[in-house]
Amino acid sequence: MNNIEKKTKIIIYLLLILNIGLIITGVLVNIKVKCPICHEVPFLPINDVELGVLGVASNIIIGILAYFTKNKLSSYIMLLFSMFLSGFSTFLQIGRYILRGGYCPYCLSSTCIFYILFGIFLYNTVIKPLLNNINTDLI
């Protein structure tokens, strides 16, 4: 098993954890707990269930891109998409804190996982090639 396969498996496992977490959050928020913080999204024309489905769909897209990444273009697309998801989830957390006065721990954990994935993609796509170029220039 080479290094790329290990990184792809780690990304897919993180996405699987995030998807399971989003599904559990949807069940808890809408059926059991009725979380007042994330039950509705007042600044978007969608509710929290649709937002959760979009989150799961975006994770599936990132997983597919991570699995089939063979060239630089798909790596950059994956980096930009994960950057958008991290920024959007941060926007949701800030908006909910301002409007509702608190954070939902489930939504906050998914935001953290989005940032972990973004960090992995940023390192693999941008930082690691730069470090390799610096090391070859010094030799």
N, C-alpha and C. Protein backbone atom coordinates (compact mmCIF):
# COMPACT_ATOMS: atom_id res chain seq x y z
N MET A 1 0.86 -1.18 0.00
CA MET A 1 0.00 0.00 0.00
C MET A 1 0.90 1.24 0.00
N ASN A 2 0.72 2.08 -0.97
CA ASN A 2 1.57 3.26 -1.05
C ASN A 2 0.99 4.41 -0.22
N ASN A 3 1.71 5.51 -0.21
CA ASN A 3 1.37 6.65 0.62
C ASN A 3 0.06 7.31 0.19
N ILE A 4 -0.23 7.34 -1.11
CA ILE A 4 -1.45 7.96 -1.61
C ILE A 4 -2.67 7.16 -1.17
N GLU A 5 -2.56 5.85 -1.20
CA GLU A 5 -3.68 5.01 -0.77
C GLU A 5 -3.96 5.20 0.72
N LYS A 6 -2.93 5.37 1.54
CA LYS A 6 -3.13 5.60 2.98
C LYS A 6 -3.84 6.93 3.21
N LYS A 7 -3.42 7.97 2.50
CA LYS A 7 -4.05 9.28 2.67
C LYS A 7 -5.50 9.25 2.20
N THR A 8 -5.75 8.55 1.11
CA THR A 8 -7.12 8.44 0.61
C THR A 8 -7.99 7.70 1.61
N LYS A 9 -7.47 6.64 2.19
CA LYS A 9 -8.25 5.90 3.19
C LYS A 9 -8.53 6.76 4.42
N ILE A 10 -7.56 7.54 4.86
CA ILE A 10 -7.78 8.42 6.01
C ILE A 10 -8.87 9.42 5.71
N ILE A 11 -8.83 10.02 4.52
CA ILE A 11 -9.84 11.01 4.13
C ILE A 11 -11.21 10.35 4.06
N ILE A 12 -11.29 9.18 3.48
CA ILE A 12 -12.58 8.51 3.36
C ILE A 12 -13.11 8.12 4.74
N TYR A 13 -12.24 7.69 5.65
CA TYR A 13 -12.68 7.37 7.02
C TYR A 13 -13.19 8.61 7.74
N LEU A 14 -12.48 9.74 7.58
CA LEU A 14 -12.96 10.98 8.19
C LEU A 14 -14.32 11.40 7.63
N LEU A 15 -14.49 11.25 6.33
CA LEU A 15 -15.77 11.58 5.71
C LEU A 15 -16.87 10.65 6.19
N LEU A 16 -16.54 9.38 6.38
CA LEU A 16 -17.53 8.44 6.89
C LEU A 16 -17.96 8.82 8.30
N ILE A 17 -16.99 9.19 9.13
CA ILE A 17 -17.32 9.64 10.49
C ILE A 17 -18.18 10.89 10.44
N LEU A 18 -17.84 11.83 9.56
CA LEU A 18 -18.61 13.06 9.44
C LEU A 18 -20.03 12.78 8.96
N ASN A 19 -20.18 11.90 7.98
CA ASN A 19 -21.52 11.58 7.48
C ASN A 19 -22.36 10.90 8.55
N ILE A 20 -21.77 9.97 9.29
CA ILE A 20 -22.51 9.34 10.38
C ILE A 20 -22.89 10.37 11.43
N GLY A 21 -21.97 11.27 11.73
CA GLY A 21 -22.27 12.35 12.67
C GLY A 21 -23.38 13.26 12.20
N LEU A 22 -23.38 13.58 10.91
CA LEU A 22 -24.45 14.42 10.38
C LEU A 22 -25.80 13.72 10.42
N ILE A 23 -25.81 12.42 10.15
CA ILE A 23 -27.07 11.67 10.22
C ILE A 23 -27.57 11.59 11.66
N ILE A 24 -26.66 11.33 12.60
CA ILE A 24 -27.05 11.30 14.01
C ILE A 24 -27.55 12.67 14.46
N THR A 25 -26.87 13.72 14.00
CA THR A 25 -27.31 15.07 14.34
C THR A 25 -28.71 15.33 13.81
N GLY A 26 -28.96 14.92 12.59
CA GLY A 26 -30.31 15.11 12.03
C GLY A 26 -31.37 14.39 12.83
N VAL A 27 -31.06 13.19 13.26
CA VAL A 27 -32.03 12.43 14.06
C VAL A 27 -32.23 13.10 15.42
N LEU A 28 -31.13 13.48 16.07
CA LEU A 28 -31.24 14.09 17.39
C LEU A 28 -31.95 15.44 17.34
N VAL A 29 -31.59 16.25 16.36
CA VAL A 29 -32.14 17.60 16.29
C VAL A 29 -33.62 17.56 15.95
N ASN A 30 -34.01 16.71 15.03
CA ASN A 30 -35.39 16.76 14.54
C ASN A 30 -36.34 15.82 15.25
N ILE A 31 -35.84 14.78 15.90
CA ILE A 31 -36.75 13.82 16.51
C ILE A 31 -36.67 13.87 18.04
N LYS A 32 -35.46 13.83 18.58
CA LYS A 32 -35.34 13.66 20.02
C LYS A 32 -35.12 14.96 20.77
N VAL A 33 -34.07 15.69 20.44
CA VAL A 33 -33.64 16.81 21.27
C VAL A 33 -34.37 18.11 20.93
N LYS A 34 -34.62 18.35 19.67
CA LYS A 34 -35.18 19.62 19.18
C LYS A 34 -34.29 20.79 19.62
N CYS A 35 -33.07 20.73 19.16
CA CYS A 35 -32.08 21.76 19.50
C CYS A 35 -32.57 23.13 19.05
N PRO A 36 -32.72 24.09 19.97
CA PRO A 36 -33.23 25.40 19.57
C PRO A 36 -32.22 26.21 18.77
N ILE A 37 -30.95 25.84 18.87
CA ILE A 37 -29.92 26.61 18.17
C ILE A 37 -29.92 26.29 16.69
N CYS A 38 -30.03 25.00 16.34
CA CYS A 38 -29.90 24.65 14.93
C CYS A 38 -31.19 24.10 14.34
N HIS A 39 -32.30 24.28 15.02
CA HIS A 39 -33.55 23.75 14.47
C HIS A 39 -33.99 24.50 13.22
N GLU A 40 -33.67 25.76 13.14
CA GLU A 40 -33.97 26.50 11.92
C GLU A 40 -32.79 27.39 11.57
N VAL A 41 -32.67 27.67 10.31
CA VAL A 41 -31.59 28.54 9.83
C VAL A 41 -32.25 29.84 9.39
N PRO A 42 -32.27 30.86 10.25
CA PRO A 42 -33.06 32.05 9.95
C PRO A 42 -32.53 32.90 8.80
N PHE A 43 -31.26 32.77 8.46
CA PHE A 43 -30.69 33.61 7.41
C PHE A 43 -30.54 32.89 6.08
N LEU A 44 -31.11 31.67 5.96
CA LEU A 44 -31.11 30.94 4.69
C LEU A 44 -32.52 30.45 4.41
N PRO A 45 -32.87 30.31 3.15
CA PRO A 45 -34.23 29.84 2.83
C PRO A 45 -34.40 28.32 2.93
N ILE A 46 -33.53 27.64 3.67
CA ILE A 46 -33.63 26.19 3.84
C ILE A 46 -33.66 25.88 5.33
N ASN A 47 -34.14 24.70 5.67
CA ASN A 47 -34.13 24.32 7.08
C ASN A 47 -32.93 23.43 7.38
N ASP A 48 -32.83 22.98 8.62
CA ASP A 48 -31.65 22.24 9.03
C ASP A 48 -31.56 20.85 8.41
N VAL A 49 -32.69 20.25 8.07
CA VAL A 49 -32.66 18.93 7.44
C VAL A 49 -32.05 19.03 6.04
N GLU A 50 -32.49 20.02 5.29
CA GLU A 50 -31.93 20.21 3.95
C GLU A 50 -30.45 20.56 4.03
N LEU A 51 -30.08 21.33 5.04
CA LEU A 51 -28.68 21.68 5.22
C LEU A 51 -27.84 20.44 5.56
N GLY A 52 -28.38 19.55 6.38
CA GLY A 52 -27.69 18.30 6.69
C GLY A 52 -27.54 17.41 5.47
N VAL A 53 -28.59 17.35 4.64
CA VAL A 53 -28.51 16.55 3.41
C VAL A 53 -27.45 17.13 2.48
N LEU A 54 -27.38 18.46 2.39
CA LEU A 54 -26.33 19.08 1.57
C LEU A 54 -24.94 18.77 2.13
N GLY A 55 -24.82 18.73 3.46
CA GLY A 55 -23.54 18.37 4.07
C GLY A 55 -23.13 16.95 3.75
N VAL A 56 -24.07 16.02 3.84
CA VAL A 56 -23.76 14.62 3.51
C VAL A 56 -23.40 14.50 2.03
N ALA A 57 -24.15 15.17 1.16
CA ALA A 57 -23.86 15.12 -0.28
C ALA A 57 -22.48 15.72 -0.58
N SER A 58 -22.14 16.81 0.08
CA SER A 58 -20.82 17.41 -0.16
C SER A 58 -19.70 16.49 0.33
N ASN A 59 -19.95 15.77 1.43
CA ASN A 59 -18.94 14.81 1.90
C ASN A 59 -18.77 13.66 0.92
N ILE A 60 -19.85 13.22 0.33
CA ILE A 60 -19.76 12.16 -0.68
C ILE A 60 -18.97 12.64 -1.89
N ILE A 61 -19.19 13.90 -2.28
CA ILE A 61 -18.44 14.47 -3.41
C ILE A 61 -16.96 14.53 -3.08
N ILE A 62 -16.61 14.97 -1.87
CA ILE A 62 -15.19 15.03 -1.48
C ILE A 62 -14.59 13.63 -1.44
N GLY A 63 -15.36 12.66 -0.96
CA GLY A 63 -14.87 11.28 -0.93
C GLY A 63 -14.59 10.74 -2.32
N ILE A 64 -15.49 11.03 -3.25
CA ILE A 64 -15.30 10.59 -4.63
C ILE A 64 -14.09 11.27 -5.24
N LEU A 65 -13.95 12.58 -5.00
CA LEU A 65 -12.78 13.29 -5.52
C LEU A 65 -11.49 12.76 -4.89
N ALA A 66 -11.52 12.46 -3.59
CA ALA A 66 -10.31 11.94 -2.94
C ALA A 66 -9.94 10.57 -3.47
N TYR A 67 -10.94 9.76 -3.78
CA TYR A 67 -10.67 8.41 -4.27
C TYR A 67 -10.12 8.42 -5.69
N PHE A 68 -10.62 9.34 -6.51
CA PHE A 68 -10.22 9.36 -7.92
C PHE A 68 -9.21 10.45 -8.25
N THR A 69 -8.54 10.99 -7.25
CA THR A 69 -7.56 12.04 -7.51
C THR A 69 -6.33 11.45 -8.18
N LYS A 70 -6.14 11.83 -9.42
CA LYS A 70 -4.99 11.33 -10.17
C LYS A 70 -4.11 12.47 -10.69
N ASN A 71 -4.66 13.67 -10.80
CA ASN A 71 -3.88 14.76 -11.36
C ASN A 71 -4.01 16.01 -10.49
N LYS A 72 -3.27 17.04 -10.86
CA LYS A 72 -3.27 18.26 -10.07
C LYS A 72 -4.60 19.01 -10.13
N LEU A 73 -5.28 18.95 -11.25
CA LEU A 73 -6.55 19.67 -11.38
C LEU A 73 -7.58 19.15 -10.38
N SER A 74 -7.71 17.85 -10.26
CA SER A 74 -8.67 17.31 -9.30
C SER A 74 -8.24 17.59 -7.87
N SER A 75 -6.94 17.66 -7.61
CA SER A 75 -6.46 18.02 -6.27
C SER A 75 -6.83 19.46 -5.94
N TYR A 76 -6.68 20.36 -6.90
CA TYR A 76 -7.05 21.76 -6.66
C TYR A 76 -8.56 21.93 -6.53
N ILE A 77 -9.33 21.17 -7.29
CA ILE A 77 -10.79 21.23 -7.15
C ILE A 77 -11.19 20.76 -5.76
N MET A 78 -10.58 19.69 -5.30
CA MET A 78 -10.88 19.17 -3.96
C MET A 78 -10.47 20.18 -2.90
N LEU A 79 -9.34 20.85 -3.07
CA LEU A 79 -8.89 21.87 -2.13
C LEU A 79 -9.87 23.04 -2.08
N LEU A 80 -10.28 23.53 -3.25
CA LEU A 80 -11.22 24.66 -3.30
C LEU A 80 -12.58 24.29 -2.72
N PHE A 81 -13.04 23.09 -3.00
CA PHE A 81 -14.34 22.65 -2.49
C PHE A 81 -14.30 22.51 -0.97
N SER A 82 -13.23 21.94 -0.44
CA SER A 82 -13.12 21.82 1.02
C SER A 82 -12.94 23.18 1.68
N MET A 83 -12.27 24.12 1.00
CA MET A 83 -12.15 25.47 1.52
C MET A 83 -13.52 26.15 1.57
N PHE A 84 -14.32 25.96 0.53
CA PHE A 84 -15.68 26.52 0.52
C PHE A 84 -16.51 25.92 1.65
N LEU A 85 -16.45 24.60 1.84
CA LEU A 85 -17.23 23.96 2.89
C LEU A 85 -16.80 24.42 4.27
N SER A 86 -15.51 24.57 4.49
CA SER A 86 -15.03 25.06 5.78
C SER A 86 -15.50 26.49 6.03
N GLY A 87 -15.40 27.32 5.03
CA GLY A 87 -15.85 28.70 5.17
C GLY A 87 -17.35 28.80 5.38
N PHE A 88 -18.11 28.00 4.65
CA PHE A 88 -19.56 28.04 4.78
C PHE A 88 -20.01 27.53 6.15
N SER A 89 -19.38 26.47 6.64
CA SER A 89 -19.75 25.98 7.96
C SER A 89 -19.37 26.98 9.05
N THR A 90 -18.26 27.70 8.87
CA THR A 90 -17.90 28.75 9.81
C THR A 90 -18.92 29.88 9.77
N PHE A 91 -19.35 30.24 8.56
CA PHE A 91 -20.40 31.26 8.41
C PHE A 91 -21.67 30.85 9.15
N LEU A 92 -22.05 29.58 9.03
CA LEU A 92 -23.24 29.10 9.73
C LEU A 92 -23.05 29.17 11.25
N GLN A 93 -21.87 28.77 11.73
CA GLN A 93 -21.64 28.81 13.17
C GLN A 93 -21.66 30.23 13.71
N ILE A 94 -21.04 31.17 13.00
CA ILE A 94 -21.03 32.56 13.45
C ILE A 94 -22.44 33.14 13.41
N GLY A 95 -23.17 32.85 12.34
CA GLY A 95 -24.54 33.35 12.24
C GLY A 95 -25.43 32.80 13.33
N ARG A 96 -25.29 31.55 13.62
CA ARG A 96 -26.12 30.95 14.69
C ARG A 96 -25.72 31.51 16.05
N TYR A 97 -24.44 31.78 16.25
CA TYR A 97 -24.03 32.34 17.53
C TYR A 97 -24.57 33.75 17.71
N ILE A 98 -24.52 34.53 16.63
CA ILE A 98 -25.02 35.90 16.72
C ILE A 98 -26.53 35.92 16.90
N LEU A 99 -27.25 35.10 16.16
CA LEU A 99 -28.71 35.13 16.21
C LEU A 99 -29.30 34.32 17.36
N ARG A 100 -28.66 33.22 17.71
CA ARG A 100 -29.22 32.32 18.73
C ARG A 100 -28.47 32.38 20.06
N GLY A 101 -27.27 32.90 20.06
CA GLY A 101 -26.53 33.02 21.30
C GLY A 101 -25.82 31.76 21.76
N GLY A 102 -25.59 30.82 20.88
CA GLY A 102 -24.90 29.61 21.28
C GLY A 102 -24.50 28.76 20.09
N TYR A 103 -23.70 27.75 20.38
CA TYR A 103 -23.26 26.81 19.36
C TYR A 103 -23.94 25.47 19.57
N CYS A 104 -24.20 24.78 18.48
CA CYS A 104 -24.65 23.40 18.54
C CYS A 104 -23.39 22.53 18.54
N PRO A 105 -23.20 21.66 19.53
CA PRO A 105 -21.95 20.88 19.57
C PRO A 105 -21.79 19.94 18.38
N TYR A 106 -22.88 19.43 17.84
CA TYR A 106 -22.80 18.54 16.69
C TYR A 106 -22.36 19.30 15.44
N CYS A 107 -22.94 20.45 15.24
CA CYS A 107 -22.56 21.26 14.08
C CYS A 107 -21.14 21.78 14.21
N LEU A 108 -20.74 22.11 15.43
CA LEU A 108 -19.38 22.57 15.66
C LEU A 108 -18.36 21.46 15.39
N SER A 109 -18.71 20.23 15.74
CA SER A 109 -17.79 19.11 15.47
C SER A 109 -17.66 18.86 13.97
N SER A 110 -18.77 19.01 13.22
CA SER A 110 -18.66 18.83 11.77
C SER A 110 -17.82 19.94 11.15
N THR A 111 -17.91 21.15 11.68
CA THR A 111 -17.07 22.25 11.21
C THR A 111 -15.59 21.93 11.45
N CYS A 112 -15.29 21.37 12.62
CA CYS A 112 -13.90 21.01 12.92
C CYS A 112 -13.38 19.94 11.96
N ILE A 113 -14.21 18.96 11.64
CA ILE A 113 -13.78 17.91 10.70
C ILE A 113 -13.58 18.49 9.30
N PHE A 114 -14.44 19.45 8.90
CA PHE A 114 -14.23 20.11 7.61
C PHE A 114 -12.87 20.82 7.60
N TYR A 115 -12.50 21.46 8.70
CA TYR A 115 -11.20 22.12 8.74
C TYR A 115 -10.04 21.14 8.77
N ILE A 116 -10.22 19.99 9.40
CA ILE A 116 -9.17 18.96 9.37
C ILE A 116 -8.97 18.48 7.93
N LEU A 117 -10.06 18.23 7.22
CA LEU A 117 -9.96 17.81 5.81
C LEU A 117 -9.32 18.90 4.96
N PHE A 118 -9.70 20.15 5.19
CA PHE A 118 -9.10 21.25 4.44
C PHE A 118 -7.60 21.32 4.71
N GLY A 119 -7.20 21.11 5.95
CA GLY A 119 -5.77 21.12 6.28
C GLY A 119 -5.02 20.00 5.58
N ILE A 120 -5.63 18.81 5.53
CA ILE A 120 -5.00 17.69 4.83
C ILE A 120 -4.85 18.00 3.34
N PHE A 121 -5.91 18.53 2.73
CA PHE A 121 -5.86 18.85 1.30
C PHE A 121 -4.88 19.98 1.03
N LEU A 122 -4.83 20.97 1.90
CA LEU A 122 -3.89 22.08 1.73
C LEU A 122 -2.45 21.59 1.81
N TYR A 123 -2.19 20.72 2.76
CA TYR A 123 -0.83 20.19 2.89
C TYR A 123 -0.45 19.37 1.66
N ASN A 124 -1.34 18.48 1.23
CA ASN A 124 -1.00 17.60 0.10
C ASN A 124 -0.90 18.35 -1.22
N THR A 125 -1.72 19.38 -1.40
CA THR A 125 -1.79 20.06 -2.68
C THR A 125 -0.80 21.21 -2.80
N VAL A 126 -0.60 21.97 -1.73
CA VAL A 126 0.20 23.19 -1.82
C VAL A 126 1.51 23.10 -1.04
N ILE A 127 1.42 22.77 0.23
CA ILE A 127 2.60 22.87 1.10
C ILE A 127 3.65 21.81 0.77
N LYS A 128 3.22 20.57 0.59
CA LYS A 128 4.18 19.49 0.32
C LYS A 128 4.93 19.70 -0.99
N PRO A 129 4.27 20.08 -2.10
CA PRO A 129 5.05 20.37 -3.32
C PRO A 129 6.02 21.54 -3.15
N LEU A 130 5.62 22.56 -2.38
CA LEU A 130 6.54 23.68 -2.14
C LEU A 130 7.76 23.23 -1.34
N LEU A 131 7.54 22.40 -0.33
CA LEU A 131 8.65 21.90 0.45
C LEU A 131 9.58 21.01 -0.39
N ASN A 132 9.00 20.23 -1.28
CA ASN A 132 9.82 19.39 -2.16
C ASN A 132 10.65 20.24 -3.11
N ASN A 133 10.08 21.34 -3.62
CA ASN A 133 10.81 22.24 -4.50
C ASN A 133 11.94 22.94 -3.74
N ILE A 134 11.67 23.34 -2.49
CA ILE A 134 12.71 23.98 -1.70
C ILE A 134 13.85 23.01 -1.41
N ASN A 135 13.52 21.77 -1.08
CA ASN A 135 14.54 20.77 -0.79
C ASN A 135 15.38 20.45 -2.03
N THR A 136 14.77 20.38 -3.20
CA THR A 136 15.55 20.09 -4.42
C THR A 136 16.40 21.29 -4.81
N ASP A 137 15.97 22.51 -4.50
CA ASP A 137 16.78 23.69 -4.81
C ASP A 137 18.01 23.78 -3.92
N LEU A 138 17.91 23.28 -2.71
CA LEU A 138 19.03 23.35 -1.77
C LEU A 138 20.09 22.29 -2.07
N ILE A 139 19.70 21.22 -2.76
CA ILE A 139 20.66 20.14 -3.02
C ILE A 139 21.53 20.45 -4.19
